[in-house]
């Protein structure tokens, strides 16, 4: 074998299944769907009463934004989601950490979470209205309950999955308990916790719409319900588009949070 053949470079094969995002793929699929949808409406293949065209939905959005009605509905929903998600996430993080770190909290918490998590939280809204009234507290409490359980489960699972060798190594260096939790347990559990944030944010969005449909005069859910009752399908789908955009924004924010907090990976 010649010297040149022996020294030929070898292609690197240790990429570790790193996914390279292809932004143009999602854009092309989105443009194609919108184009087909608009063509179906323009050529009369689908009745605008059952499925308005994208152009009609954009016109409805512009009219709602110009009147200021859309901003009022978005502000009401965003306020309920923000407060409910913050309360549910804070409680879920605290309980999940306790379940992952202390045996007594785990034995109590697992049975309680297993019993209460499967209950549809929107089914508790009438009871919460009876306790807290028809105003904002009952809606916020519904969202907080819905967020609490997935956050608790994600936090507990993340803490429980922390490699015990890291904890034993820290203990061998006589690191205090609080420092172990802060410097080892929490960073190692962050991927699971942030995944729980994604799930809980989606649940909060679903619950706020359902709660507003039951007892609210402001909010995206109330607006969608009213538009459906009046057969204003262009405004109904405009509300759905707003919900979709809101979900995309939340996903983007959590993605940026993951990129910042999990840069060490």
Protein backbone atom coordinates (compact mmCIF):
# COMPACT_ATOMS: atom_id res chain seq x y z
CA UNK A 1 0.00 0.00 0.00
CA UNK A 2 1.39 3.41 -0.94
CA UNK A 3 2.11 6.15 1.59
CA UNK A 4 -0.63 8.36 0.06
CA UNK A 5 -3.30 5.67 0.46
CA UNK A 6 -2.34 5.01 4.08
CA UNK A 7 -2.55 8.71 4.97
CA UNK A 8 -5.86 9.42 3.22
CA UNK A 9 -8.31 11.25 5.55
CA UNK A 10 -11.17 9.24 7.00
CA UNK A 11 -14.67 10.73 6.95
CA UNK A 12 -15.87 11.68 10.43
CA UNK A 13 -18.64 9.28 11.48
CA UNK A 14 -19.33 10.41 15.07
CA UNK A 15 -22.00 13.04 14.49
CA UNK A 16 -24.13 11.69 17.33
CA UNK A 17 -27.44 11.90 15.42
CA UNK A 18 -27.36 15.70 15.48
CA UNK A 19 -30.48 16.96 13.69
CA UNK A 20 -29.98 19.86 11.32
CA UNK A 21 -33.18 21.89 11.03
CA UNK A 22 -34.43 22.54 7.50
CA UNK A 23 -36.43 25.75 7.82
CA UNK A 24 -37.35 25.78 4.14
CA UNK A 25 -39.21 22.46 4.49
CA UNK A 26 -41.76 23.78 6.96
CA UNK A 27 -42.10 27.03 5.00
CA UNK A 28 -42.70 25.21 1.72
CA UNK A 29 -45.31 22.91 3.31
CA UNK A 30 -47.08 25.88 4.90
CA UNK A 31 -47.14 27.87 1.64
CA UNK A 32 -48.44 24.85 -0.29
CA UNK A 33 -51.29 24.22 2.16
CA UNK A 34 -52.32 27.89 2.17
CA UNK A 35 -52.21 28.03 -1.64
CA UNK A 36 -54.40 24.94 -2.02
CA UNK A 37 -56.79 26.26 0.62
CA UNK A 38 -57.09 29.64 -1.11
CA UNK A 39 -57.60 27.97 -4.50
CA UNK A 40 -60.39 25.79 -3.09
CA UNK A 41 -62.15 28.89 -1.79
CA UNK A 42 -61.56 31.03 -4.87
CA UNK A 43 -62.86 28.42 -7.32
CA UNK A 44 -65.88 27.63 -5.16
CA UNK A 45 -64.88 24.06 -4.35
CA UNK A 46 -65.67 24.69 -0.69
CA UNK A 47 -68.46 26.88 0.66
CA UNK A 48 -67.11 29.93 2.54
CA UNK A 49 -69.69 29.25 5.25
CA UNK A 50 -68.00 25.96 6.11
CA UNK A 51 -64.39 26.92 5.42
CA UNK A 52 -63.52 30.56 4.65
CA UNK A 53 -60.46 31.21 2.53
CA UNK A 54 -57.20 32.40 4.07
CA UNK A 55 -57.77 35.82 2.50
CA UNK A 56 -61.16 36.12 4.24
CA UNK A 57 -59.60 35.11 7.56
CA UNK A 58 -56.86 37.73 7.17
CA UNK A 59 -59.51 40.35 6.40
CA UNK A 60 -61.39 39.36 9.55
CA UNK A 61 -58.20 39.60 11.59
CA UNK A 62 -57.46 43.07 10.21
CA UNK A 63 -60.98 44.28 10.96
CA UNK A 64 -60.86 42.88 14.51
CA UNK A 65 -57.45 44.42 15.13
CA UNK A 66 -58.59 47.80 13.78
CA UNK A 67 -61.63 47.81 16.05
CA UNK A 68 -59.52 46.99 19.12
CA UNK A 69 -61.70 43.99 19.97
CA UNK A 70 -58.97 41.47 19.20
CA UNK A 71 -56.50 43.17 21.52
CA UNK A 72 -58.99 43.07 24.39
CA UNK A 73 -59.62 39.35 23.93
CA UNK A 74 -55.89 38.56 23.64
CA UNK A 75 -55.07 40.63 26.72
CA UNK A 76 -57.72 38.85 28.81
CA UNK A 77 -56.53 35.38 27.77
CA UNK A 78 -52.85 36.26 28.17
CA UNK A 79 -53.46 37.57 31.68
CA UNK A 80 -55.24 34.38 32.74
CA UNK A 81 -52.62 32.14 31.17
CA UNK A 82 -49.72 34.10 32.63
CA UNK A 83 -50.98 34.12 36.21
CA UNK A 84 -52.31 30.55 36.12
CA UNK A 85 -49.16 29.15 34.52
CA UNK A 86 -46.89 30.97 36.96
CA UNK A 87 -48.83 29.74 39.99
CA UNK A 88 -49.09 26.15 38.74
CA UNK A 89 -45.45 26.01 37.67
CA UNK A 90 -44.15 27.40 40.97
CA UNK A 91 -46.17 24.89 42.98
CA UNK A 92 -45.28 22.05 40.62
CA UNK A 93 -41.55 22.77 40.82
CA UNK A 94 -41.66 22.86 44.61
CA UNK A 95 -43.66 19.64 44.95
CA UNK A 96 -41.69 17.85 42.23
CA UNK A 97 -38.37 18.73 43.85
CA UNK A 98 -39.66 17.60 47.24
CA UNK A 99 -40.84 14.29 45.76
CA UNK A 100 -37.47 13.74 44.15
CA UNK A 101 -35.41 14.58 47.23
CA UNK A 102 -37.34 13.29 50.25
CA UNK A 103 -38.87 9.86 50.76
CA UNK A 104 -41.87 11.01 52.78
CA UNK A 105 -42.83 13.61 50.19
CA UNK A 106 -42.44 10.99 47.46
CA UNK A 107 -44.66 8.44 49.17
CA UNK A 108 -47.39 11.02 49.73
CA UNK A 109 -46.99 12.84 46.45
CA UNK A 110 -47.00 9.85 44.10
CA UNK A 111 -50.31 8.55 45.40
CA UNK A 112 -51.94 11.99 45.34
CA UNK A 113 -50.67 12.87 41.87
CA UNK A 114 -51.63 9.46 40.48
CA UNK A 115 -55.15 9.83 41.86
CA UNK A 116 -55.77 13.45 40.80
CA UNK A 117 -53.83 13.84 37.55
CA UNK A 118 -56.25 11.83 35.33
CA UNK A 119 -59.22 14.03 36.34
CA UNK A 120 -60.05 16.50 33.52
CA UNK A 121 -59.40 19.86 35.12
CA UNK A 122 -62.14 21.58 33.14
CA UNK A 123 -64.60 19.25 34.88
CA UNK A 124 -63.64 20.95 38.14
CA UNK A 125 -64.47 24.43 36.82
CA UNK A 126 -68.13 24.38 38.03
CA UNK A 127 -66.91 23.46 41.50
CA UNK A 128 -64.25 26.16 41.40
CA UNK A 129 -66.88 28.66 40.30
CA UNK A 130 -68.95 27.64 43.31
CA UNK A 131 -65.96 28.15 45.61
CA UNK A 132 -64.32 31.20 44.01
CA UNK A 133 -67.08 32.84 42.02
CA UNK A 134 -67.64 33.36 38.29
CA UNK A 135 -64.79 35.89 37.98
CA UNK A 136 -61.11 35.50 37.27
CA UNK A 137 -60.03 33.40 40.31
CA UNK A 138 -61.93 30.29 39.16
CA UNK A 139 -60.45 30.45 35.65
CA UNK A 140 -56.93 31.07 36.93
CA UNK A 141 -57.27 28.23 39.44
CA UNK A 142 -58.37 25.86 36.65
CA UNK A 143 -55.29 26.74 34.60
CA UNK A 144 -53.01 26.48 37.63
CA UNK A 145 -54.35 23.01 38.44
CA UNK A 146 -53.85 21.88 34.87
CA UNK A 147 -50.27 23.17 34.84
CA UNK A 148 -49.38 21.86 38.30
CA UNK A 149 -49.55 18.13 37.61
CA UNK A 150 -47.42 17.85 34.43
CA UNK A 151 -44.85 20.20 35.98
CA UNK A 152 -44.72 18.09 39.14
CA UNK A 153 -44.32 14.86 37.19
CA UNK A 154 -41.65 16.29 34.89
CA UNK A 155 -39.69 17.76 37.81
CA UNK A 156 -39.90 14.60 39.90
CA UNK A 157 -38.87 12.43 36.93
CA UNK A 158 -35.96 14.73 36.11
CA UNK A 159 -34.68 14.73 39.68
CA UNK A 160 -35.12 10.96 39.97
CA UNK A 161 -33.09 10.45 36.77
CA UNK A 162 -30.04 12.40 37.99
CA UNK A 163 -27.04 10.01 38.01
CA UNK A 164 -26.43 9.02 41.62
CA UNK A 165 -22.69 8.81 40.97
CA UNK A 166 -22.60 12.60 40.61
CA UNK A 167 -24.40 13.04 43.92
CA UNK A 168 -22.13 10.55 45.69
CA UNK A 169 -19.07 12.29 44.29
CA UNK A 170 -20.33 15.65 45.61
CA UNK A 171 -21.04 14.09 49.00
CA UNK A 172 -17.53 12.63 49.11
CA UNK A 173 -16.19 16.17 48.78
CA UNK A 174 -18.45 17.20 51.70
CA UNK A 175 -20.56 19.52 49.53
CA UNK A 176 -23.60 20.85 51.47
CA UNK A 177 -27.05 19.53 50.60
CA UNK A 178 -28.22 22.88 49.23
CA UNK A 179 -25.17 23.17 46.98
CA UNK A 180 -25.71 19.64 45.65
CA UNK A 181 -29.30 20.48 44.75
CA UNK A 182 -28.37 23.82 43.20
CA UNK A 183 -25.25 22.77 41.27
CA UNK A 184 -25.96 19.13 40.37
CA UNK A 185 -29.59 18.08 40.78
CA UNK A 186 -31.33 21.07 39.23
CA UNK A 187 -29.01 21.42 36.17
CA UNK A 188 -29.23 17.69 35.47
CA UNK A 189 -33.03 17.74 35.79
CA UNK A 190 -33.48 20.84 33.61
CA UNK A 191 -34.09 18.98 30.29
CA UNK A 192 -37.01 17.11 31.83
CA UNK A 193 -38.32 20.24 33.57
CA UNK A 194 -38.27 22.27 30.36
CA UNK A 195 -40.04 19.46 28.51
CA UNK A 196 -42.69 19.69 31.21
CA UNK A 197 -42.93 23.42 30.53
CA UNK A 198 -43.79 22.71 26.90
CA UNK A 199 -46.57 20.33 27.90
CA UNK A 200 -47.93 22.59 30.64
CA UNK A 201 -47.98 25.62 28.32
CA UNK A 202 -50.11 23.70 25.82
CA UNK A 203 -52.43 22.54 28.59
CA UNK A 204 -52.77 26.12 29.85
CA UNK A 205 -53.78 27.26 26.37
CA UNK A 206 -56.40 24.52 26.09
CA UNK A 207 -57.81 25.20 29.54
CA UNK A 208 -58.08 28.95 29.12
CA UNK A 209 -60.13 28.49 25.95
CA UNK A 210 -62.41 25.95 27.62
CA UNK A 211 -62.81 28.07 30.76
CA UNK A 212 -63.62 31.18 28.73
CA UNK A 213 -66.23 29.29 26.74
CA UNK A 214 -68.01 28.33 29.96
CA UNK A 215 -68.03 31.60 31.85
CA UNK A 216 -66.43 34.70 30.32
CA UNK A 217 -67.35 37.63 28.12
CA UNK A 218 -63.74 38.42 27.20
CA UNK A 219 -60.99 36.17 25.94
CA UNK A 220 -60.21 34.16 22.81
CA UNK A 221 -62.35 31.25 23.98
CA UNK A 222 -65.38 33.47 24.52
CA UNK A 223 -64.80 35.14 21.16
CA UNK A 224 -64.55 31.81 19.31
CA UNK A 225 -67.72 30.53 20.99
CA UNK A 226 -69.66 33.69 20.13
CA UNK A 227 -68.47 33.62 16.51
CA UNK A 228 -69.50 29.97 16.21
CA UNK A 229 -72.96 30.66 17.64
CA UNK A 230 -73.44 33.44 15.07
CA UNK A 231 -72.03 31.29 12.23
CA UNK A 232 -69.29 33.85 11.61
CA UNK A 233 -66.80 31.25 10.51
CA UNK A 234 -64.25 33.76 9.25
CA UNK A 235 -64.02 35.33 12.72
CA UNK A 236 -64.07 31.89 14.35
CA UNK A 237 -61.05 30.78 12.33
CA UNK A 238 -59.43 34.16 12.96
CA UNK A 239 -59.61 33.31 16.67
CA UNK A 240 -58.15 29.86 15.94
CA UNK A 241 -55.28 31.50 14.04
CA UNK A 242 -54.59 33.75 17.02
CA UNK A 243 -54.47 30.70 19.30
CA UNK A 244 -52.06 29.00 16.89
CA UNK A 245 -49.81 32.05 16.78
CA UNK A 246 -49.91 32.29 20.55
CA UNK A 247 -48.86 28.64 20.81
CA UNK A 248 -45.99 29.22 18.36
CA UNK A 249 -44.77 32.19 20.38
CA UNK A 250 -44.82 30.19 23.61
CA UNK A 251 -42.97 27.31 21.94
CA UNK A 252 -40.39 29.74 20.60
CA UNK A 253 -39.85 31.32 24.01
CA UNK A 254 -39.37 27.92 25.64
CA UNK A 255 -37.01 26.94 22.82
CA UNK A 256 -34.87 30.02 23.47
CA UNK A 257 -34.93 29.20 27.18
CA UNK A 258 -33.73 25.66 26.43
CA UNK A 259 -30.97 26.94 24.17
CA UNK A 260 -29.75 29.29 26.91
CA UNK A 261 -30.08 27.02 29.94
CA UNK A 262 -28.95 23.81 28.22
CA UNK A 263 -26.05 25.23 26.26
CA UNK A 264 -23.72 22.94 28.23
CA UNK A 265 -25.16 19.94 26.36
